[in-house]
Amino acid sequence: MDLGARLRFVRTARNLSQRELAKRTGVTNSTISLIESGDMNPSVGTLKRVLDGIPVTLGEFFSLVPEGDEKIFYRANELLTFEQGGVVFRQVGAPSCRRTLQILREHYAFGADTGAAVYAHEGEEGGFVLQGRIEITVGERQEILEPGDAYHFDSRQPHRFRCLSSEGCEIISACTPPTF
């Protein structure tokens, strides 16, 4: 898949118009249009600015699975792994511009959290606690969930996760649209 087609698929998968992406990035709408049509090859800096507005990293952008190479089944060793501050995310499937659902197995070390500040993004998310205890804050509400408990909320509400168990916490979650 060429660069312009990749950008168009990633942008439309996140339900962004060219105008909205231009507002977010400071890159003109006409430049985004020229890149997507293949009439312009952007500098790495310009491409990074555009991708930051989606948001997607350069690595994720270039690792997208091209059309026709759809994978359906995944072995444990094929799951993508991302680590961030004591939290390990194992994602089903590679980042793809065609996917609108992200499925994760999340492991939180004792005391690990999604960050000191709450965050919000477009979409919905939900999940099941498999092991341990996790404190979840959504807006002004806060609960401690244990194995067998579940959650589901509008991700536009500011939210935060924090592990309270010395043995860590394990969650299976889904998010739409994907956040990374």
N, C-alpha and C. Protein backbone atom coordinates (compact mmCIF):
# COMPACT_ATOMS: atom_id res chain seq x y z
N MET A 1 0.86 -1.17 0.00
CA MET A 1 0.00 0.00 0.00
C MET A 1 0.90 1.23 0.00
N ASP A 2 0.65 2.17 -0.90
CA ASP A 2 1.49 3.37 -0.95
C ASP A 2 1.17 4.31 0.21
N LEU A 3 2.08 5.26 0.42
CA LEU A 3 1.99 6.17 1.55
C LEU A 3 0.67 6.94 1.58
N GLY A 4 0.25 7.48 0.46
CA GLY A 4 -1.01 8.23 0.41
C GLY A 4 -2.21 7.39 0.76
N ALA A 5 -2.26 6.16 0.23
CA ALA A 5 -3.37 5.25 0.53
C ALA A 5 -3.36 4.87 2.00
N ARG A 6 -2.17 4.64 2.56
CA ARG A 6 -2.07 4.32 3.99
C ARG A 6 -2.63 5.47 4.83
N LEU A 7 -2.22 6.69 4.49
CA LEU A 7 -2.68 7.85 5.26
C LEU A 7 -4.20 7.98 5.17
N ARG A 8 -4.76 7.84 3.98
CA ARG A 8 -6.21 7.95 3.81
C ARG A 8 -6.94 6.89 4.64
N PHE A 9 -6.44 5.62 4.62
CA PHE A 9 -7.08 4.55 5.38
C PHE A 9 -7.00 4.81 6.88
N VAL A 10 -5.84 5.24 7.35
CA VAL A 10 -5.67 5.51 8.78
C VAL A 10 -6.58 6.66 9.21
N ARG A 11 -6.60 7.71 8.42
CA ARG A 11 -7.44 8.88 8.74
C ARG A 11 -8.91 8.51 8.76
N THR A 12 -9.39 7.81 7.74
CA THR A 12 -10.81 7.47 7.68
C THR A 12 -11.19 6.42 8.72
N ALA A 13 -10.25 5.53 9.08
CA ALA A 13 -10.53 4.54 10.13
C ALA A 13 -10.78 5.23 11.47
N ARG A 14 -10.20 6.39 11.67
CA ARG A 14 -10.40 7.15 12.90
C ARG A 14 -11.50 8.19 12.75
N ASN A 15 -12.25 8.10 11.64
CA ASN A 15 -13.38 8.99 11.37
C ASN A 15 -12.98 10.47 11.35
N LEU A 16 -11.83 10.74 10.76
CA LEU A 16 -11.35 12.12 10.65
C LEU A 16 -11.47 12.60 9.21
N SER A 17 -11.98 13.80 9.03
CA SER A 17 -11.97 14.41 7.70
C SER A 17 -10.58 15.02 7.49
N GLN A 18 -10.26 15.34 6.24
CA GLN A 18 -9.00 16.02 5.96
C GLN A 18 -8.96 17.37 6.68
N ARG A 19 -10.08 18.06 6.71
CA ARG A 19 -10.14 19.37 7.38
C ARG A 19 -9.87 19.25 8.88
N GLU A 20 -10.49 18.26 9.53
CA GLU A 20 -10.28 18.06 10.96
C GLU A 20 -8.83 17.72 11.26
N LEU A 21 -8.24 16.87 10.44
CA LEU A 21 -6.83 16.51 10.63
C LEU A 21 -5.94 17.73 10.42
N ALA A 22 -6.27 18.55 9.46
CA ALA A 22 -5.50 19.79 9.22
C ALA A 22 -5.56 20.71 10.44
N LYS A 23 -6.75 20.85 11.03
CA LYS A 23 -6.90 21.68 12.24
C LYS A 23 -6.06 21.16 13.39
N ARG A 24 -6.04 19.84 13.55
CA ARG A 24 -5.30 19.22 14.65
C ARG A 24 -3.79 19.38 14.52
N THR A 25 -3.30 19.46 13.27
CA THR A 25 -1.86 19.37 13.03
C THR A 25 -1.20 20.66 12.59
N GLY A 26 -1.97 21.58 12.04
CA GLY A 26 -1.36 22.79 11.48
C GLY A 26 -0.82 22.57 10.08
N VAL A 27 -1.00 21.37 9.53
CA VAL A 27 -0.64 21.07 8.14
C VAL A 27 -1.88 21.39 7.31
N THR A 28 -1.72 22.08 6.20
CA THR A 28 -2.89 22.52 5.44
C THR A 28 -3.69 21.35 4.88
N ASN A 29 -4.98 21.58 4.72
CA ASN A 29 -5.87 20.60 4.12
C ASN A 29 -5.38 20.21 2.72
N SER A 30 -4.91 21.19 1.96
CA SER A 30 -4.45 20.89 0.60
C SER A 30 -3.21 20.00 0.61
N THR A 31 -2.34 20.17 1.60
CA THR A 31 -1.15 19.32 1.70
C THR A 31 -1.57 17.88 2.02
N ILE A 32 -2.50 17.72 2.94
CA ILE A 32 -2.98 16.38 3.27
C ILE A 32 -3.62 15.74 2.04
N SER A 33 -4.40 16.50 1.30
CA SER A 33 -5.02 16.00 0.08
C SER A 33 -3.98 15.57 -0.95
N LEU A 34 -2.93 16.39 -1.12
CA LEU A 34 -1.87 16.06 -2.08
C LEU A 34 -1.12 14.79 -1.66
N ILE A 35 -0.88 14.61 -0.37
CA ILE A 35 -0.20 13.41 0.11
C ILE A 35 -1.07 12.18 -0.18
N GLU A 36 -2.36 12.27 0.17
CA GLU A 36 -3.26 11.14 -0.01
C GLU A 36 -3.46 10.77 -1.48
N SER A 37 -3.41 11.75 -2.35
CA SER A 37 -3.60 11.46 -3.78
C SER A 37 -2.32 10.98 -4.44
N GLY A 38 -1.20 11.01 -3.71
CA GLY A 38 0.08 10.57 -4.26
C GLY A 38 0.79 11.63 -5.06
N ASP A 39 0.29 12.87 -5.02
CA ASP A 39 0.89 13.96 -5.78
C ASP A 39 1.98 14.68 -5.00
N MET A 40 2.21 14.26 -3.75
CA MET A 40 3.25 14.89 -2.94
C MET A 40 3.84 13.85 -1.99
N ASN A 41 5.16 13.85 -1.88
CA ASN A 41 5.84 13.03 -0.89
C ASN A 41 6.28 13.94 0.24
N PRO A 42 5.68 13.78 1.42
CA PRO A 42 5.99 14.69 2.52
C PRO A 42 7.37 14.38 3.12
N SER A 43 7.94 15.36 3.79
CA SER A 43 9.15 15.13 4.57
C SER A 43 8.76 14.26 5.76
N VAL A 44 9.74 13.64 6.39
CA VAL A 44 9.47 12.83 7.57
C VAL A 44 8.83 13.69 8.66
N GLY A 45 9.31 14.92 8.81
CA GLY A 45 8.76 15.82 9.82
C GLY A 45 7.29 16.14 9.57
N THR A 46 6.94 16.41 8.32
CA THR A 46 5.54 16.70 7.98
C THR A 46 4.67 15.46 8.22
N LEU A 47 5.16 14.30 7.78
CA LEU A 47 4.39 13.07 7.98
C LEU A 47 4.18 12.81 9.47
N LYS A 48 5.21 13.01 10.28
CA LYS A 48 5.09 12.81 11.73
C LYS A 48 4.05 13.76 12.33
N ARG A 49 4.05 15.03 11.90
CA ARG A 49 3.05 15.99 12.39
C ARG A 49 1.64 15.52 12.05
N VAL A 50 1.45 15.05 10.83
CA VAL A 50 0.13 14.57 10.40
C VAL A 50 -0.28 13.35 11.22
N LEU A 51 0.64 12.41 11.40
CA LEU A 51 0.32 11.18 12.14
C LEU A 51 0.06 11.46 13.62
N ASP A 52 0.76 12.46 14.18
CA ASP A 52 0.52 12.84 15.58
C ASP A 52 -0.91 13.33 15.78
N GLY A 53 -1.50 13.90 14.74
CA GLY A 53 -2.88 14.39 14.82
C GLY A 53 -3.92 13.29 14.78
N ILE A 54 -3.53 12.07 14.43
CA ILE A 54 -4.52 10.99 14.30
C ILE A 54 -4.87 10.33 15.63
N PRO A 55 -4.07 9.98 16.55
CA PRO A 55 -2.64 9.81 16.60
C PRO A 55 -2.21 8.37 16.28
N VAL A 56 -1.09 8.25 15.58
CA VAL A 56 -0.47 6.96 15.28
C VAL A 56 1.02 7.23 15.11
N THR A 57 1.86 6.32 15.58
CA THR A 57 3.31 6.52 15.45
C THR A 57 3.77 6.17 14.05
N LEU A 58 4.96 6.63 13.69
CA LEU A 58 5.54 6.27 12.39
C LEU A 58 5.67 4.75 12.28
N GLY A 59 6.13 4.11 13.35
CA GLY A 59 6.29 2.65 13.34
C GLY A 59 4.98 1.93 13.09
N GLU A 60 3.92 2.35 13.78
CA GLU A 60 2.62 1.73 13.59
C GLU A 60 2.11 1.98 12.17
N PHE A 61 2.32 3.20 11.70
CA PHE A 61 1.85 3.57 10.36
C PHE A 61 2.47 2.67 9.29
N PHE A 62 3.78 2.44 9.38
CA PHE A 62 4.45 1.64 8.36
C PHE A 62 4.32 0.14 8.58
N SER A 63 3.81 -0.28 9.76
CA SER A 63 3.64 -1.71 9.99
C SER A 63 2.21 -2.17 9.71
N LEU A 64 1.36 -1.28 9.24
CA LEU A 64 -0.02 -1.65 8.92
C LEU A 64 -0.05 -2.80 7.93
N VAL A 65 -0.99 -3.71 8.12
CA VAL A 65 -1.13 -4.85 7.24
C VAL A 65 -1.82 -4.40 5.95
N PRO A 66 -1.17 -4.61 4.79
CA PRO A 66 -1.79 -4.20 3.52
C PRO A 66 -3.09 -4.95 3.23
N GLU A 67 -3.93 -4.34 2.39
CA GLU A 67 -5.19 -4.97 1.97
C GLU A 67 -4.91 -6.37 1.44
N GLY A 68 -5.80 -7.31 1.73
CA GLY A 68 -5.68 -8.66 1.21
C GLY A 68 -4.85 -9.58 2.08
N ASP A 69 -4.11 -9.05 3.05
CA ASP A 69 -3.29 -9.88 3.93
C ASP A 69 -3.95 -10.04 5.29
N GLU A 70 -5.26 -10.09 5.31
CA GLU A 70 -5.99 -10.16 6.58
C GLU A 70 -5.66 -11.46 7.31
N LYS A 71 -5.26 -11.33 8.54
CA LYS A 71 -4.98 -12.47 9.41
C LYS A 71 -6.15 -12.62 10.35
N ILE A 72 -6.57 -13.85 10.59
CA ILE A 72 -7.73 -14.11 11.42
C ILE A 72 -7.37 -14.74 12.75
N PHE A 73 -6.41 -15.67 12.74
CA PHE A 73 -6.04 -16.40 13.95
C PHE A 73 -4.64 -16.01 14.39
N TYR A 74 -4.43 -15.94 15.70
CA TYR A 74 -3.15 -15.49 16.26
C TYR A 74 -2.70 -16.43 17.36
N ARG A 75 -1.47 -16.88 17.28
CA ARG A 75 -0.85 -17.67 18.34
C ARG A 75 -0.35 -16.70 19.41
N ALA A 76 -0.16 -17.19 20.61
CA ALA A 76 0.27 -16.35 21.73
C ALA A 76 1.54 -15.56 21.39
N ASN A 77 2.47 -16.19 20.68
CA ASN A 77 3.74 -15.51 20.36
C ASN A 77 3.60 -14.49 19.23
N GLU A 78 2.43 -14.38 18.62
CA GLU A 78 2.20 -13.42 17.55
C GLU A 78 1.51 -12.14 18.02
N LEU A 79 1.11 -12.10 19.30
CA LEU A 79 0.45 -10.90 19.81
C LEU A 79 1.47 -9.77 19.94
N LEU A 80 1.09 -8.57 19.54
CA LEU A 80 1.97 -7.41 19.66
C LEU A 80 2.02 -6.99 21.12
N THR A 81 3.19 -6.64 21.60
CA THR A 81 3.36 -6.27 22.99
C THR A 81 3.85 -4.84 23.11
N PHE A 82 3.18 -4.07 23.94
CA PHE A 82 3.55 -2.68 24.23
C PHE A 82 3.69 -2.57 25.75
N GLU A 83 4.74 -1.93 26.21
CA GLU A 83 4.94 -1.75 27.65
C GLU A 83 5.01 -0.26 27.95
N GLN A 84 4.38 0.11 29.07
CA GLN A 84 4.37 1.51 29.46
C GLN A 84 4.19 1.61 30.97
N GLY A 85 5.23 2.00 31.67
CA GLY A 85 5.16 2.27 33.11
C GLY A 85 4.56 1.17 33.96
N GLY A 86 5.00 -0.07 33.80
CA GLY A 86 4.48 -1.16 34.61
C GLY A 86 3.22 -1.80 34.07
N VAL A 87 2.77 -1.36 32.91
CA VAL A 87 1.60 -1.95 32.27
C VAL A 87 2.05 -2.59 30.96
N VAL A 88 1.68 -3.86 30.76
CA VAL A 88 2.00 -4.57 29.53
C VAL A 88 0.69 -4.81 28.78
N PHE A 89 0.63 -4.34 27.55
CA PHE A 89 -0.54 -4.54 26.69
C PHE A 89 -0.15 -5.57 25.63
N ARG A 90 -0.97 -6.62 25.47
CA ARG A 90 -0.78 -7.61 24.41
C ARG A 90 -1.98 -7.48 23.49
N GLN A 91 -1.73 -7.04 22.26
CA GLN A 91 -2.81 -6.73 21.31
C GLN A 91 -3.02 -7.85 20.32
N VAL A 92 -4.29 -8.17 20.05
CA VAL A 92 -4.64 -9.13 19.01
C VAL A 92 -4.52 -8.43 17.67
N GLY A 93 -3.60 -8.87 16.83
CA GLY A 93 -3.44 -8.33 15.49
C GLY A 93 -2.57 -7.09 15.44
N ALA A 94 -2.06 -6.85 14.25
CA ALA A 94 -1.23 -5.67 13.99
C ALA A 94 -2.12 -4.45 13.84
N PRO A 95 -1.57 -3.27 14.11
CA PRO A 95 -2.35 -2.06 13.83
C PRO A 95 -2.78 -2.08 12.36
N SER A 96 -4.00 -1.80 12.10
CA SER A 96 -4.51 -1.85 10.73
C SER A 96 -5.52 -0.74 10.52
N CYS A 97 -5.44 -0.15 9.34
CA CYS A 97 -6.37 0.92 9.04
C CYS A 97 -7.79 0.41 8.83
N ARG A 98 -7.96 -0.89 8.64
CA ARG A 98 -9.30 -1.45 8.42
C ARG A 98 -9.98 -1.85 9.71
N ARG A 99 -9.26 -1.92 10.79
CA ARG A 99 -9.84 -2.39 12.05
C ARG A 99 -10.48 -1.24 12.82
N THR A 100 -11.62 -1.52 13.38
CA THR A 100 -12.30 -0.51 14.19
C THR A 100 -12.43 -0.96 15.64
N LEU A 101 -11.88 -2.14 15.96
CA LEU A 101 -11.94 -2.69 17.30
C LEU A 101 -10.53 -3.11 17.73
N GLN A 102 -10.16 -2.74 18.94
CA GLN A 102 -8.87 -3.14 19.50
C GLN A 102 -9.14 -4.08 20.67
N ILE A 103 -8.48 -5.25 20.66
CA ILE A 103 -8.64 -6.23 21.73
C ILE A 103 -7.30 -6.40 22.42
N LEU A 104 -7.30 -6.27 23.74
CA LEU A 104 -6.05 -6.30 24.51
C LEU A 104 -6.15 -7.26 25.70
N ARG A 105 -5.00 -7.84 26.03
CA ARG A 105 -4.81 -8.47 27.33
C ARG A 105 -3.86 -7.54 28.07
N GLU A 106 -4.31 -7.02 29.20
CA GLU A 106 -3.54 -6.02 29.93
C GLU A 106 -3.03 -6.62 31.23
N HIS A 107 -1.76 -6.41 31.52
CA HIS A 107 -1.20 -6.83 32.81
C HIS A 107 -0.62 -5.61 33.50
N TYR A 108 -1.10 -5.36 34.72
CA TYR A 108 -0.63 -4.24 35.52
C TYR A 108 0.19 -4.79 36.67
N ALA A 109 1.42 -4.31 36.83
CA ALA A 109 2.23 -4.66 37.99
C ALA A 109 1.65 -3.93 39.20
N PHE A 110 2.01 -4.40 40.41
CA PHE A 110 1.51 -3.75 41.62
C PHE A 110 1.81 -2.25 41.59
N GLY A 111 0.80 -1.43 41.81
CA GLY A 111 0.94 0.02 41.84
C GLY A 111 0.98 0.69 40.48
N ALA A 112 1.08 -0.10 39.40
CA ALA A 112 1.14 0.48 38.05
C ALA A 112 -0.20 1.11 37.71
N ASP A 113 -0.14 2.15 36.88
CA ASP A 113 -1.37 2.81 36.45
C ASP A 113 -1.21 3.36 35.05
N THR A 114 -2.28 3.90 34.53
CA THR A 114 -2.25 4.45 33.17
C THR A 114 -1.74 5.88 33.14
N GLY A 115 -1.25 6.36 34.27
CA GLY A 115 -0.69 7.71 34.35
C GLY A 115 -1.31 8.46 35.52
N ALA A 116 -0.57 9.43 36.01
CA ALA A 116 -1.04 10.20 37.17
C ALA A 116 -2.31 10.99 36.84
N ALA A 117 -2.45 11.39 35.60
CA ALA A 117 -3.61 12.19 35.19
C ALA A 117 -4.61 11.29 34.45
N VAL A 118 -5.88 11.63 34.56
CA VAL A 118 -6.90 10.93 33.78
C VAL A 118 -6.76 11.35 32.31
N TYR A 119 -7.22 10.52 31.41
CA TYR A 119 -7.18 10.86 29.99
C TYR A 119 -8.51 10.49 29.35
N ALA A 120 -8.76 11.03 28.18
CA ALA A 120 -10.00 10.77 27.46
C ALA A 120 -9.68 10.70 25.97
N HIS A 121 -10.51 9.98 25.24
CA HIS A 121 -10.35 9.85 23.79
C HIS A 121 -11.69 9.44 23.20
N GLU A 122 -11.80 9.51 21.92
CA GLU A 122 -13.03 9.15 21.22
C GLU A 122 -13.29 7.65 21.39
N GLY A 123 -14.54 7.24 21.55
CA GLY A 123 -14.88 5.83 21.51
C GLY A 123 -15.48 5.26 22.78
N GLU A 124 -15.45 3.93 22.85
CA GLU A 124 -15.96 3.17 23.99
C GLU A 124 -14.92 2.13 24.36
N GLU A 125 -14.92 1.71 25.62
CA GLU A 125 -14.09 0.59 26.01
C GLU A 125 -14.76 -0.19 27.12
N GLY A 126 -14.39 -1.45 27.19
CA GLY A 126 -14.94 -2.33 28.19
C GLY A 126 -14.00 -3.49 28.41
N GLY A 127 -14.22 -4.20 29.51
CA GLY A 127 -13.35 -5.34 29.78
C GLY A 127 -13.78 -6.13 30.98
N PHE A 128 -13.07 -7.25 31.20
CA PHE A 128 -13.28 -8.16 32.32
C PHE A 128 -11.99 -8.27 33.12
N VAL A 129 -12.11 -8.25 34.43
CA VAL A 129 -10.96 -8.46 35.30
C VAL A 129 -10.80 -9.97 35.48
N LEU A 130 -9.62 -10.49 35.15
CA LEU A 130 -9.36 -11.91 35.29
C LEU A 130 -8.66 -12.24 36.59
N GLN A 131 -7.78 -11.32 37.03
CA GLN A 131 -6.96 -11.57 38.21
C GLN A 131 -6.64 -10.25 38.89
N GLY A 132 -6.56 -10.26 40.21
CA GLY A 132 -6.15 -9.08 40.95
C GLY A 132 -7.27 -8.08 41.17
N ARG A 133 -6.88 -6.94 41.70
CA ARG A 133 -7.81 -5.84 41.97
C ARG A 133 -7.33 -4.60 41.24
N ILE A 134 -8.27 -3.92 40.58
CA ILE A 134 -7.93 -2.70 39.82
C ILE A 134 -8.89 -1.59 40.21
N GLU A 135 -8.34 -0.42 40.44
CA GLU A 135 -9.16 0.76 40.71
C GLU A 135 -9.35 1.48 39.39
N ILE A 136 -10.61 1.69 39.02
CA ILE A 136 -10.92 2.38 37.76
C ILE A 136 -11.68 3.65 38.10
N THR A 137 -11.17 4.76 37.57
CA THR A 137 -11.83 6.05 37.73
C THR A 137 -12.38 6.46 36.38
N VAL A 138 -13.66 6.79 36.33
CA VAL A 138 -14.30 7.28 35.11
C VAL A 138 -15.10 8.51 35.51
N GLY A 139 -14.66 9.67 35.01
CA GLY A 139 -15.31 10.91 35.42
C GLY A 139 -15.14 11.10 36.92
N GLU A 140 -16.24 11.32 37.62
CA GLU A 140 -16.21 11.49 39.07
C GLU A 140 -16.41 10.18 39.82
N ARG A 141 -16.61 9.08 39.07
CA ARG A 141 -16.91 7.80 39.70
C ARG A 141 -15.65 6.95 39.79
N GLN A 142 -15.57 6.17 40.87
CA GLN A 142 -14.41 5.32 41.08
C GLN A 142 -14.87 4.01 41.72
N GLU A 143 -14.35 2.90 41.20
CA GLU A 143 -14.69 1.58 41.75
C GLU A 143 -13.44 0.72 41.80
N ILE A 144 -13.43 -0.23 42.70
CA ILE A 144 -12.39 -1.25 42.75
C ILE A 144 -13.03 -2.53 42.25
N LEU A 145 -12.47 -3.07 41.15
CA LEU A 145 -13.02 -4.28 40.55
C LEU A 145 -12.10 -5.47 40.85
N GLU A 146 -12.71 -6.65 40.97
CA GLU A 146 -12.01 -7.89 41.29
C GLU A 146 -12.32 -8.92 40.22
N PRO A 147 -11.66 -10.10 40.27
CA PRO A 147 -11.90 -11.12 39.24
C PRO A 147 -13.40 -11.40 39.03
N GLY A 148 -13.79 -11.42 37.76
CA GLY A 148 -15.18 -11.64 37.39
C GLY A 148 -15.96 -10.36 37.18
N ASP A 149 -15.47 -9.24 37.74
CA ASP A 149 -16.13 -7.95 37.54
C ASP A 149 -15.79 -7.41 36.15
N ALA A 150 -16.60 -6.47 35.68
CA ALA A 150 -16.42 -5.93 34.34
C ALA A 150 -16.72 -4.43 34.33
N TYR A 151 -16.38 -3.79 33.23
CA TYR A 151 -16.64 -2.36 33.05
C TYR A 151 -16.94 -2.09 31.58
N HIS A 152 -17.64 -0.99 31.34
CA HIS A 152 -17.94 -0.52 29.98
C HIS A 152 -18.30 0.94 30.09
N PHE A 153 -17.63 1.82 29.32
CA PHE A 153 -17.91 3.24 29.42
C PHE A 153 -17.56 3.97 28.14
N ASP A 154 -18.07 5.18 28.03
CA ASP A 154 -17.77 6.10 26.93
C ASP A 154 -16.38 6.68 27.21
N SER A 155 -15.43 6.42 26.32
CA SER A 155 -14.04 6.82 26.53
C SER A 155 -13.81 8.33 26.48
N ARG A 156 -14.83 9.08 26.07
CA ARG A 156 -14.69 10.54 26.10
C ARG A 156 -14.69 11.07 27.53
N GLN A 157 -15.15 10.24 28.47
CA GLN A 157 -15.07 10.61 29.88
C GLN A 157 -13.64 10.39 30.36
N PRO A 158 -13.09 11.33 31.11
CA PRO A 158 -11.73 11.15 31.61
C PRO A 158 -11.66 9.88 32.47
N HIS A 159 -10.61 9.06 32.25
CA HIS A 159 -10.52 7.80 32.97
C HIS A 159 -9.08 7.43 33.29
N ARG A 160 -8.94 6.52 34.27
CA ARG A 160 -7.63 6.10 34.75
C ARG A 160 -7.77 4.72 35.38
N PHE A 161 -6.74 3.87 35.23
CA PHE A 161 -6.69 2.54 35.82
C PHE A 161 -5.48 2.46 36.74
N ARG A 162 -5.64 1.80 37.91
CA ARG A 162 -4.51 1.65 38.85
C ARG A 162 -4.63 0.30 39.55
N CYS A 163 -3.53 -0.48 39.52
CA CYS A 163 -3.50 -1.80 40.12
C CYS A 163 -3.30 -1.70 41.63
N LEU A 164 -4.13 -2.45 42.38
CA LEU A 164 -4.06 -2.46 43.84
C LEU A 164 -3.54 -3.79 44.38
N SER A 165 -3.28 -4.78 43.54
CA SER A 165 -2.91 -6.13 43.99
C SER A 165 -1.40 -6.36 43.93
N SER A 166 -0.87 -6.96 45.01
CA SER A 166 0.57 -7.25 45.04
C SER A 166 0.96 -8.26 43.96
N GLU A 167 0.03 -9.12 43.56
CA GLU A 167 0.33 -10.10 42.50
C GLU A 167 0.08 -9.54 41.10
N GLY A 168 -0.32 -8.28 41.00
CA GLY A 168 -0.63 -7.68 39.71
C GLY A 168 -2.08 -7.87 39.35
N CYS A 169 -2.45 -7.37 38.21
CA CYS A 169 -3.84 -7.44 37.75
C CYS A 169 -3.85 -7.78 36.27
N GLU A 170 -4.78 -8.64 35.87
CA GLU A 170 -4.92 -9.06 34.49
C GLU A 170 -6.33 -8.71 34.01
N ILE A 171 -6.41 -8.08 32.84
CA ILE A 171 -7.70 -7.66 32.27
C ILE A 171 -7.73 -8.05 30.80
N ILE A 172 -8.88 -8.46 30.30
CA ILE A 172 -9.12 -8.59 28.86
C ILE A 172 -10.04 -7.43 28.50
N SER A 173 -9.63 -6.62 27.51
CA SER A 173 -10.41 -5.42 27.19
C SER A 173 -10.59 -5.27 25.69
N ALA A 174 -11.54 -4.42 25.35
CA ALA A 174 -11.80 -4.06 23.95
C ALA A 174 -12.06 -2.55 23.91
N CYS A 175 -11.61 -1.94 22.82
CA CYS A 175 -11.77 -0.50 22.65
C CYS A 175 -12.11 -0.23 21.18
N THR A 176 -13.06 0.66 20.96
CA THR A 176 -13.36 1.05 19.60
C THR A 176 -13.52 2.57 19.57
N PRO A 177 -12.88 3.28 18.67
CA PRO A 177 -11.86 2.78 17.75
C PRO A 177 -10.55 2.52 18.49
N PRO A 178 -9.60 1.82 17.85
CA PRO A 178 -8.31 1.56 18.48
C PRO A 178 -7.62 2.86 18.90
N THR A 179 -6.92 2.81 20.03
CA THR A 179 -6.23 4.01 20.52
C THR A 179 -4.74 3.98 20.21
N PHE A 180 -4.21 2.83 19.81
CA PHE A 180 -2.81 2.73 19.36
C PHE A 180 -2.65 1.54 18.48
